[in-house]
N, C-alpha and C. Protein backbone atom coordinates (compact mmCIF):
# COMPACT_ATOMS: atom_id res chain seq x y z
N MET A 1 225.55 88.23 55.74
CA MET A 1 224.14 88.13 56.22
C MET A 1 223.73 86.73 56.66
N LYS A 2 224.28 85.69 55.87
CA LYS A 2 224.00 84.31 56.32
C LYS A 2 224.66 84.00 57.67
N LEU A 3 225.81 84.61 57.96
CA LEU A 3 226.53 84.33 59.20
C LEU A 3 225.74 84.88 60.36
N ALA A 4 225.24 86.12 60.22
CA ALA A 4 224.47 86.84 61.24
C ALA A 4 223.16 86.06 61.54
N ALA A 5 222.50 85.58 60.47
CA ALA A 5 221.22 84.80 60.64
C ALA A 5 221.55 83.48 61.31
N ALA A 6 222.65 82.87 61.00
CA ALA A 6 223.00 81.60 61.61
C ALA A 6 223.33 81.81 63.10
N THR A 7 224.05 82.82 63.43
CA THR A 7 224.39 83.17 64.85
C THR A 7 223.19 83.40 65.64
N LEU A 8 222.18 84.24 65.02
CA LEU A 8 220.91 84.54 65.64
C LEU A 8 220.08 83.24 65.89
N LEU A 9 220.02 82.43 64.83
CA LEU A 9 219.27 81.16 64.96
C LEU A 9 219.94 80.30 65.94
N GLY A 10 221.28 80.23 65.97
CA GLY A 10 221.94 79.36 66.94
C GLY A 10 221.64 79.81 68.39
N GLY A 11 221.69 81.10 68.59
CA GLY A 11 221.29 81.66 69.96
C GLY A 11 219.87 81.27 70.35
N ALA A 12 218.91 81.40 69.38
CA ALA A 12 217.53 81.07 69.65
C ALA A 12 217.40 79.65 69.97
N LEU A 13 218.14 78.79 69.24
CA LEU A 13 217.97 77.37 69.48
C LEU A 13 218.52 76.98 70.90
N LEU A 14 219.57 77.70 71.38
CA LEU A 14 220.06 77.48 72.74
C LEU A 14 218.98 77.62 73.82
N TRP A 15 218.14 78.52 73.59
CA TRP A 15 217.05 78.77 74.55
C TRP A 15 216.07 77.63 74.51
N CYS A 16 216.00 76.95 73.37
CA CYS A 16 215.00 75.85 73.24
C CYS A 16 215.55 74.49 73.75
N VAL A 17 216.77 74.42 74.16
CA VAL A 17 217.34 73.13 74.61
C VAL A 17 216.73 72.74 75.86
N PRO A 18 216.15 71.63 76.01
CA PRO A 18 215.49 71.23 77.26
C PRO A 18 216.58 71.16 78.36
N GLY A 19 216.22 71.67 79.53
CA GLY A 19 217.05 71.66 80.64
C GLY A 19 218.04 72.91 80.68
N ALA A 20 218.13 73.58 79.59
CA ALA A 20 218.96 74.75 79.63
C ALA A 20 218.31 75.88 80.37
N ALA A 21 219.00 76.50 81.30
CA ALA A 21 218.38 77.61 82.02
C ALA A 21 219.15 78.88 81.66
N PRO A 22 218.41 80.00 81.72
CA PRO A 22 219.09 81.16 81.39
C PRO A 22 220.10 81.53 82.52
N ALA A 23 221.14 82.29 82.27
CA ALA A 23 222.17 82.61 83.22
C ALA A 23 221.55 83.46 84.31
N GLU A 24 222.02 83.22 85.53
CA GLU A 24 221.53 84.13 86.63
C GLU A 24 222.07 85.47 86.44
N PRO A 25 221.15 86.48 86.69
CA PRO A 25 221.61 87.92 86.51
C PRO A 25 222.62 88.16 87.63
N ALA A 26 223.59 88.97 87.32
CA ALA A 26 224.55 89.43 88.35
C ALA A 26 223.85 90.24 89.46
N PRO A 27 224.31 90.05 90.69
CA PRO A 27 223.65 90.80 91.78
C PRO A 27 223.86 92.32 91.63
N ALA A 28 222.84 93.07 92.05
CA ALA A 28 222.93 94.56 91.96
C ALA A 28 224.08 94.99 92.69
N PRO A 29 224.83 96.07 92.18
CA PRO A 29 225.96 96.58 92.88
C PRO A 29 225.60 97.31 94.17
N ILE A 30 226.56 97.33 94.98
CA ILE A 30 226.42 98.15 96.24
C ILE A 30 226.99 99.56 95.90
N THR A 31 226.31 100.57 96.22
CA THR A 31 226.76 101.91 95.99
C THR A 31 227.33 102.49 97.26
N VAL A 32 228.54 103.00 97.18
CA VAL A 32 229.16 103.49 98.34
C VAL A 32 229.58 105.03 97.98
N LEU A 33 228.94 105.87 98.77
CA LEU A 33 229.29 107.32 98.66
C LEU A 33 230.41 107.63 99.70
N LEU A 34 231.56 107.93 99.23
CA LEU A 34 232.81 108.09 99.97
C LEU A 34 233.30 109.49 99.95
N LEU A 35 233.50 110.11 101.12
CA LEU A 35 233.92 111.44 101.18
C LEU A 35 234.87 111.71 102.38
N ARG A 36 235.61 112.80 102.25
CA ARG A 36 236.32 113.23 103.46
C ARG A 36 235.34 114.07 104.34
N HIS A 37 235.70 114.14 105.60
CA HIS A 37 235.01 114.99 106.51
C HIS A 37 234.90 116.41 106.07
N ALA A 38 234.03 117.18 106.51
CA ALA A 38 233.95 118.64 106.20
C ALA A 38 235.02 119.42 106.91
N GLU A 39 235.03 120.72 106.59
CA GLU A 39 236.09 121.60 107.15
C GLU A 39 236.03 121.54 108.66
N LYS A 40 237.30 121.39 109.17
CA LYS A 40 237.35 121.32 110.66
C LYS A 40 237.80 122.67 111.20
N ALA A 41 237.42 122.94 112.52
CA ALA A 41 237.74 124.20 113.24
C ALA A 41 239.20 124.18 113.45
N SER A 42 239.79 125.46 113.52
CA SER A 42 241.18 125.62 113.69
C SER A 42 241.60 125.15 115.13
N GLY A 43 240.80 125.31 116.04
CA GLY A 43 241.12 124.82 117.39
C GLY A 43 240.63 123.38 117.64
N GLY A 44 240.84 122.94 118.87
CA GLY A 44 240.29 121.61 119.21
C GLY A 44 241.29 120.54 119.29
N GLY A 45 242.59 120.89 119.14
CA GLY A 45 243.60 119.75 119.29
C GLY A 45 243.57 118.74 118.19
N ALA A 46 243.68 117.48 118.60
CA ALA A 46 243.75 116.42 117.71
C ALA A 46 242.41 115.94 117.23
N ASP A 47 241.36 116.45 117.89
CA ASP A 47 240.08 115.99 117.47
C ASP A 47 239.10 117.19 117.50
N PRO A 48 239.36 118.06 116.42
CA PRO A 48 238.48 119.26 116.35
C PRO A 48 237.02 119.05 115.89
N ALA A 49 236.15 119.95 116.23
CA ALA A 49 234.84 119.93 115.65
C ALA A 49 234.86 120.50 114.29
N LEU A 50 233.70 120.57 113.64
CA LEU A 50 233.64 121.28 112.34
C LEU A 50 233.64 122.72 112.55
N SER A 51 234.12 123.40 111.57
CA SER A 51 234.06 124.92 111.57
C SER A 51 232.73 125.25 111.05
N GLU A 52 232.40 126.56 110.98
CA GLU A 52 231.09 127.03 110.58
C GLU A 52 230.87 126.56 109.06
N ALA A 53 231.93 126.70 108.27
CA ALA A 53 231.81 126.26 106.86
C ALA A 53 231.63 124.76 106.82
N GLY A 54 232.24 124.02 107.75
CA GLY A 54 232.10 122.54 107.74
C GLY A 54 230.72 122.16 108.09
N ALA A 55 230.12 122.91 109.08
CA ALA A 55 228.79 122.51 109.51
C ALA A 55 227.80 122.83 108.33
N ALA A 56 228.02 123.92 107.59
CA ALA A 56 227.20 124.23 106.41
C ALA A 56 227.33 123.10 105.36
N ARG A 57 228.59 122.61 105.17
CA ARG A 57 228.83 121.61 104.14
C ARG A 57 228.10 120.31 104.55
N ALA A 58 228.12 120.10 105.81
CA ALA A 58 227.36 118.81 106.39
C ALA A 58 225.86 118.82 106.07
N VAL A 59 225.29 120.10 106.22
CA VAL A 59 223.88 120.22 106.00
C VAL A 59 223.59 120.09 104.48
N GLU A 60 224.57 120.57 103.66
CA GLU A 60 224.45 120.47 102.19
C GLU A 60 224.54 119.01 101.74
N LEU A 61 225.45 118.22 102.46
CA LEU A 61 225.53 116.80 102.14
C LEU A 61 224.19 116.07 102.42
N ALA A 62 223.61 116.48 103.61
CA ALA A 62 222.22 115.92 103.96
C ALA A 62 221.22 116.19 102.87
N ARG A 63 221.26 117.48 102.33
CA ARG A 63 220.25 117.79 101.26
C ARG A 63 220.62 117.05 100.05
N LEU A 64 221.92 116.91 99.70
CA LEU A 64 222.25 116.18 98.40
C LEU A 64 221.90 114.74 98.54
N CYS A 65 222.18 114.08 99.61
CA CYS A 65 222.09 112.64 99.78
C CYS A 65 220.82 112.18 100.52
N GLY A 66 219.97 113.12 100.86
CA GLY A 66 218.85 112.77 101.58
C GLY A 66 217.80 111.86 101.00
N HIS A 67 217.89 111.76 99.63
CA HIS A 67 217.04 110.83 98.90
C HIS A 67 217.77 109.62 98.37
N SER A 68 218.94 109.38 98.92
CA SER A 68 219.80 108.31 98.41
C SER A 68 219.35 106.93 98.84
N ARG A 69 218.47 106.79 99.73
CA ARG A 69 218.01 105.48 100.31
C ARG A 69 219.18 104.85 101.00
N ALA A 70 220.10 105.51 101.51
CA ALA A 70 221.21 104.96 102.20
C ALA A 70 220.76 104.23 103.44
N THR A 71 221.22 103.14 103.71
CA THR A 71 220.82 102.32 104.91
C THR A 71 221.94 102.11 105.81
N ALA A 72 223.15 102.55 105.45
CA ALA A 72 224.40 102.32 106.28
C ALA A 72 225.23 103.67 106.17
N LEU A 73 225.58 104.20 107.39
CA LEU A 73 226.32 105.34 107.45
C LEU A 73 227.59 105.09 108.43
N TYR A 74 228.75 105.26 107.89
CA TYR A 74 229.98 104.99 108.60
C TYR A 74 230.79 106.19 108.75
N ALA A 75 231.36 106.39 109.95
CA ALA A 75 232.32 107.45 110.21
C ALA A 75 233.42 106.85 111.08
N THR A 76 234.51 107.61 111.18
CA THR A 76 235.55 107.26 112.12
C THR A 76 235.10 107.75 113.55
N PRO A 77 235.85 107.42 114.61
CA PRO A 77 235.47 107.90 115.89
C PRO A 77 235.64 109.37 116.19
N PHE A 78 236.32 110.07 115.20
CA PHE A 78 236.62 111.47 115.36
C PHE A 78 235.44 112.36 115.17
N VAL A 79 235.38 113.44 115.96
CA VAL A 79 234.21 114.37 115.98
C VAL A 79 233.91 114.88 114.61
N ARG A 80 235.01 115.28 113.83
CA ARG A 80 234.64 115.85 112.50
C ARG A 80 234.00 114.90 111.55
N THR A 81 234.34 113.64 111.55
CA THR A 81 233.69 112.67 110.59
C THR A 81 232.20 112.43 111.06
N ARG A 82 232.07 112.25 112.31
CA ARG A 82 230.68 112.01 112.85
C ARG A 82 229.80 113.17 112.52
N ALA A 83 230.34 114.39 112.87
CA ALA A 83 229.55 115.64 112.64
C ALA A 83 229.21 115.88 111.14
N THR A 84 230.11 115.43 110.28
CA THR A 84 229.80 115.54 108.78
C THR A 84 228.63 114.74 108.42
N LEU A 85 228.41 113.53 109.05
CA LEU A 85 227.32 112.66 108.69
C LEU A 85 226.01 112.88 109.52
N GLU A 86 226.07 113.52 110.70
CA GLU A 86 224.93 113.60 111.60
C GLU A 86 223.68 114.23 111.03
N PRO A 87 223.83 115.29 110.23
CA PRO A 87 222.60 115.81 109.50
C PRO A 87 222.01 114.87 108.60
N LEU A 88 222.79 114.06 107.86
CA LEU A 88 222.29 113.02 106.96
C LEU A 88 221.65 111.92 107.79
N ALA A 89 222.26 111.50 108.85
CA ALA A 89 221.70 110.39 109.67
C ALA A 89 220.39 110.83 110.19
N LYS A 90 220.22 112.05 110.62
CA LYS A 90 218.93 112.62 111.11
C LYS A 90 217.92 112.56 109.94
N GLU A 91 218.24 113.11 108.76
CA GLU A 91 217.44 113.14 107.63
C GLU A 91 216.90 111.72 107.23
N LEU A 92 217.78 110.75 107.19
CA LEU A 92 217.36 109.42 106.81
C LEU A 92 216.86 108.58 107.89
N GLY A 93 217.04 108.99 109.10
CA GLY A 93 216.58 108.11 110.31
C GLY A 93 217.48 106.88 110.34
N VAL A 94 218.76 107.01 110.05
CA VAL A 94 219.71 105.85 110.06
C VAL A 94 220.72 106.10 111.08
N GLU A 95 221.05 105.06 111.86
CA GLU A 95 222.02 105.13 112.89
C GLU A 95 223.43 105.23 112.32
N LEU A 96 224.19 106.15 112.80
CA LEU A 96 225.59 106.36 112.38
C LEU A 96 226.48 105.43 113.13
N GLN A 97 227.27 104.65 112.35
CA GLN A 97 228.16 103.65 112.91
C GLN A 97 229.63 104.13 112.82
N THR A 98 230.41 103.85 113.85
CA THR A 98 231.77 104.27 113.77
C THR A 98 232.71 102.99 113.59
N ARG A 99 233.73 103.27 112.79
CA ARG A 99 234.69 102.27 112.44
C ARG A 99 236.10 102.75 112.61
N ASP A 100 237.10 101.88 112.94
CA ASP A 100 238.50 102.22 113.15
C ASP A 100 239.13 102.65 111.74
N PRO A 101 239.56 103.94 111.67
CA PRO A 101 240.05 104.39 110.40
C PRO A 101 241.29 103.62 109.97
N LYS A 102 241.95 102.94 110.83
CA LYS A 102 243.19 102.30 110.45
C LYS A 102 242.98 100.90 109.83
N ASP A 103 241.66 100.44 109.87
CA ASP A 103 241.22 99.15 109.34
C ASP A 103 240.44 99.22 108.18
N VAL A 104 240.94 99.81 107.03
CA VAL A 104 240.08 99.98 105.95
C VAL A 104 239.69 98.57 105.28
N ASP A 105 240.55 97.57 105.43
CA ASP A 105 240.23 96.30 104.81
C ASP A 105 239.01 95.72 105.45
N ALA A 106 238.90 95.92 106.83
CA ALA A 106 237.68 95.31 107.53
C ALA A 106 236.42 96.11 107.06
N LEU A 107 236.56 97.38 106.92
CA LEU A 107 235.36 98.19 106.48
C LEU A 107 235.01 97.80 105.00
N ALA A 108 236.07 97.67 104.20
CA ALA A 108 235.75 97.23 102.77
C ALA A 108 235.04 95.85 102.78
N GLY A 109 235.48 94.93 103.60
CA GLY A 109 234.81 93.68 103.60
C GLY A 109 233.37 93.73 104.15
N GLU A 110 233.18 94.62 105.10
CA GLU A 110 231.82 94.88 105.61
C GLU A 110 230.91 95.44 104.60
N LEU A 111 231.42 96.39 103.80
CA LEU A 111 230.69 97.09 102.76
C LEU A 111 230.34 96.02 101.65
N ARG A 112 231.18 95.12 101.39
CA ARG A 112 230.94 94.07 100.30
C ARG A 112 229.87 93.15 100.78
N LYS A 113 229.66 93.00 102.07
CA LYS A 113 228.70 92.15 102.56
C LYS A 113 227.36 92.68 102.76
N LEU A 114 227.10 94.01 102.46
CA LEU A 114 225.84 94.64 102.40
C LEU A 114 224.98 93.90 101.38
N ALA A 115 223.67 93.99 101.57
CA ALA A 115 222.75 93.39 100.53
C ALA A 115 222.93 94.01 99.17
N PRO A 116 222.92 93.25 98.18
CA PRO A 116 223.02 93.80 96.77
C PRO A 116 221.95 94.86 96.65
N GLY A 117 222.47 95.94 96.00
CA GLY A 117 221.56 97.17 95.83
C GLY A 117 221.68 98.12 96.96
N SER A 118 222.28 97.85 98.10
CA SER A 118 222.42 98.75 99.15
C SER A 118 223.11 100.00 98.84
N VAL A 119 222.88 101.06 99.63
CA VAL A 119 223.63 102.33 99.56
C VAL A 119 224.29 102.62 100.94
N ALA A 120 225.58 102.86 100.86
CA ALA A 120 226.27 103.29 102.19
C ALA A 120 226.96 104.59 101.91
N VAL A 121 227.05 105.39 102.98
CA VAL A 121 227.80 106.65 102.94
C VAL A 121 228.90 106.51 104.04
N VAL A 122 230.15 106.83 103.63
CA VAL A 122 231.31 106.74 104.44
C VAL A 122 232.07 108.06 104.50
N ALA A 123 232.26 108.64 105.72
CA ALA A 123 233.03 109.79 105.89
C ALA A 123 234.39 109.37 106.49
N GLY A 124 235.49 109.74 105.80
CA GLY A 124 236.79 109.44 106.35
C GLY A 124 237.69 110.61 106.37
N HIS A 125 238.99 110.41 106.10
CA HIS A 125 240.03 111.39 106.20
C HIS A 125 240.76 111.42 104.85
N SER A 126 241.67 112.41 104.79
CA SER A 126 242.50 112.65 103.53
C SER A 126 243.20 111.33 103.12
N ASN A 127 243.62 110.60 104.06
CA ASN A 127 244.40 109.35 103.77
C ASN A 127 243.51 108.13 103.74
N THR A 128 242.43 108.08 104.50
CA THR A 128 241.61 106.85 104.51
C THR A 128 240.62 106.74 103.28
N VAL A 129 240.19 107.86 102.80
CA VAL A 129 239.29 107.83 101.62
C VAL A 129 239.97 107.10 100.48
N PRO A 130 241.11 107.51 100.04
CA PRO A 130 241.77 106.82 98.97
C PRO A 130 242.11 105.40 99.27
N ALA A 131 242.46 105.07 100.56
CA ALA A 131 242.78 103.78 100.95
C ALA A 131 241.53 102.79 100.89
N LEU A 132 240.42 103.35 101.35
CA LEU A 132 239.17 102.51 101.31
C LEU A 132 238.73 102.31 99.84
N ALA A 133 238.87 103.31 99.04
CA ALA A 133 238.48 103.23 97.60
C ALA A 133 239.44 102.17 97.00
N LYS A 134 240.65 102.06 97.32
CA LYS A 134 241.56 101.12 96.75
C LYS A 134 241.20 99.67 97.27
N ALA A 135 240.86 99.57 98.54
CA ALA A 135 240.54 98.30 99.10
C ALA A 135 239.18 97.81 98.46
N LEU A 136 238.37 98.67 97.89
CA LEU A 136 237.13 98.31 97.21
C LEU A 136 237.37 98.10 95.78
N GLY A 137 238.60 98.42 95.27
CA GLY A 137 238.89 98.06 93.89
C GLY A 137 238.86 99.29 92.95
N ALA A 138 238.86 100.50 93.55
CA ALA A 138 238.96 101.72 92.74
C ALA A 138 240.18 102.54 93.02
N GLU A 139 240.78 103.06 91.90
CA GLU A 139 241.93 103.95 92.02
C GLU A 139 241.47 105.31 91.77
N LEU A 140 241.42 106.16 92.78
CA LEU A 140 240.90 107.48 92.61
C LEU A 140 242.00 108.35 91.91
N GLY A 141 241.51 109.33 91.17
CA GLY A 141 242.47 110.26 90.51
C GLY A 141 242.58 111.61 91.11
N GLY A 142 243.51 112.37 90.72
CA GLY A 142 243.68 113.67 91.26
C GLY A 142 244.23 113.77 92.70
N LEU A 143 244.98 112.75 93.02
CA LEU A 143 245.56 112.66 94.39
C LEU A 143 247.11 113.11 94.35
N ALA A 144 247.40 113.75 95.51
CA ALA A 144 248.90 113.99 95.65
C ALA A 144 249.43 113.07 96.72
N LYS A 145 250.44 112.24 96.23
CA LYS A 145 251.06 111.29 97.13
C LYS A 145 250.07 110.35 97.70
N GLY A 146 248.98 109.96 96.91
CA GLY A 146 248.04 109.00 97.34
C GLY A 146 246.98 109.57 98.31
N MET A 147 246.97 110.88 98.50
CA MET A 147 246.03 111.44 99.51
C MET A 147 245.30 112.51 98.94
N LEU A 148 244.11 112.92 99.56
CA LEU A 148 243.39 114.08 99.26
C LEU A 148 244.25 115.28 99.73
N ALA A 149 244.19 116.40 99.04
CA ALA A 149 244.91 117.61 99.57
C ALA A 149 244.24 118.01 100.86
N GLU A 150 245.09 118.65 101.74
CA GLU A 150 244.55 119.10 103.01
C GLU A 150 243.44 120.15 102.92
N THR A 151 243.35 120.75 101.83
CA THR A 151 242.38 121.77 101.63
C THR A 151 241.06 121.33 100.85
N GLU A 152 241.04 120.04 100.53
CA GLU A 152 239.94 119.47 99.78
C GLU A 152 238.87 118.84 100.68
N PHE A 153 237.65 119.47 100.68
CA PHE A 153 236.62 118.97 101.50
C PHE A 153 235.35 118.69 100.68
N ASP A 154 235.43 118.97 99.37
CA ASP A 154 234.18 118.90 98.55
C ASP A 154 234.09 117.73 97.63
N ARG A 155 235.07 116.81 97.67
CA ARG A 155 235.05 115.74 96.71
C ARG A 155 234.18 114.59 97.27
N LEU A 156 233.25 114.13 96.46
CA LEU A 156 232.35 113.01 96.82
C LEU A 156 232.46 111.98 95.78
N PHE A 157 232.98 110.80 96.08
CA PHE A 157 233.17 109.69 95.24
C PHE A 157 232.09 108.71 95.34
N VAL A 158 231.45 108.42 94.16
CA VAL A 158 230.27 107.39 94.13
C VAL A 158 230.85 106.20 93.45
N LEU A 159 231.01 105.09 94.35
CA LEU A 159 231.55 103.84 93.85
C LEU A 159 230.51 102.85 93.60
N SER A 160 230.56 102.08 92.62
CA SER A 160 229.64 100.98 92.25
C SER A 160 230.43 99.71 92.48
N VAL A 161 230.11 99.03 93.59
CA VAL A 161 230.89 97.93 94.09
C VAL A 161 230.21 96.63 93.75
N ASP A 162 230.91 95.72 93.11
CA ASP A 162 230.31 94.41 92.77
C ASP A 162 230.46 93.56 94.13
N PRO A 163 229.36 93.02 94.66
CA PRO A 163 229.44 92.29 95.92
C PRO A 163 230.43 91.06 95.80
N ALA A 164 230.46 90.41 94.58
CA ALA A 164 231.26 89.22 94.38
C ALA A 164 232.70 89.62 94.02
N ALA A 165 233.06 90.87 93.83
CA ALA A 165 234.29 91.28 93.47
C ALA A 165 234.79 90.74 92.12
N ALA A 166 233.80 90.36 91.31
CA ALA A 166 234.07 89.75 90.00
C ALA A 166 234.41 90.82 88.97
N ARG A 167 233.94 92.01 89.17
CA ARG A 167 234.10 93.10 88.28
C ARG A 167 234.84 94.23 88.93
N PRO A 168 235.59 95.03 88.16
CA PRO A 168 236.29 96.18 88.83
C PRO A 168 235.25 97.18 89.32
N THR A 169 235.67 97.90 90.35
CA THR A 169 234.71 98.92 90.90
C THR A 169 234.72 100.12 90.01
N GLY A 170 233.62 100.51 89.63
CA GLY A 170 233.40 101.82 88.81
C GLY A 170 233.25 102.94 89.79
N TRP A 171 233.58 104.21 89.36
CA TRP A 171 233.36 105.31 90.23
C TRP A 171 233.24 106.61 89.40
N VAL A 172 232.54 107.52 90.00
CA VAL A 172 232.49 108.91 89.51
C VAL A 172 232.72 109.81 90.68
N GLU A 173 233.22 111.04 90.32
CA GLU A 173 233.47 112.04 91.37
C GLU A 173 232.49 113.22 91.18
N LEU A 174 232.01 113.63 92.22
CA LEU A 174 231.15 114.81 92.35
C LEU A 174 231.74 115.85 93.31
N ARG A 175 231.35 117.03 93.16
CA ARG A 175 231.75 118.11 94.14
C ARG A 175 230.50 118.70 94.78
N TYR A 176 230.51 118.98 95.98
CA TYR A 176 229.33 119.51 96.66
C TYR A 176 229.67 120.63 97.66
N GLY A 177 228.72 121.45 97.99
CA GLY A 177 228.90 122.38 99.07
C GLY A 177 229.26 123.79 98.47
N ALA A 178 229.09 124.84 99.25
CA ALA A 178 229.45 126.12 98.81
C ALA A 178 230.96 126.25 98.65
N GLY A 179 231.40 126.95 97.67
CA GLY A 179 232.89 127.13 97.49
C GLY A 179 233.55 125.88 96.84
N SER A 180 232.78 124.99 96.27
CA SER A 180 233.38 123.75 95.66
C SER A 180 234.26 124.27 94.43
N ALA A 181 235.32 123.53 94.25
CA ALA A 181 236.27 123.83 93.25
C ALA A 181 235.60 123.63 91.89
N ALA A 182 235.99 124.40 90.87
CA ALA A 182 235.51 124.23 89.52
C ALA A 182 236.05 122.94 88.96
N PRO A 183 235.33 122.24 88.12
CA PRO A 183 235.86 120.93 87.61
C PRO A 183 237.14 121.19 86.83
N THR A 184 237.97 120.20 86.89
CA THR A 184 239.19 120.35 86.12
C THR A 184 239.15 119.23 85.03
N ALA A 185 239.99 119.42 84.04
CA ALA A 185 240.00 118.50 82.91
C ALA A 185 240.58 117.16 83.43
N ALA A 186 240.01 116.16 82.87
CA ALA A 186 240.44 114.67 83.21
C ALA A 186 241.84 114.54 82.63
N PRO A 187 242.71 113.80 83.36
CA PRO A 187 244.07 113.55 82.87
C PRO A 187 243.98 112.70 81.61
N LYS A 188 244.88 113.01 80.71
CA LYS A 188 244.92 112.23 79.40
C LYS A 188 245.97 111.21 79.41
């Protein structure tokens, strides 16, 4: 009991030392909502549009994230990633920006430079979503060979990114849209 009182008293005295200032609070994290594009149409060659199910999922994403206060929306130049975020861009009144999917390090750097407390939504591909998460300091789970499965369109990763990169990036996974997979047990 005496040790606890001495520790408490010592901490209180530290605040009373002239010239001692309280530590600066850490900047608010940047929240990044990271997802793969919605279902693509079977036709359309190398740059297909969204299927009917994909268009419905894009609308559901806008409903889900419409109150997120996102101020930055990023997609690759491909039709399917842009179409996934277009309903959300309209809902939020935010311009959709395109970025090169091969340069995840540049996008990770740009995301880290957003104002503390910002919210960004990024639509990518089965290979770029895990790569961008890793560039931001998060290792996503449930991947096959480091990629999202070709049939997975409902996974939404919410990353909490420290702008100073002083702390590891925390993340949670959500599922959204009709036909989302049932949750699976976390690996032990």
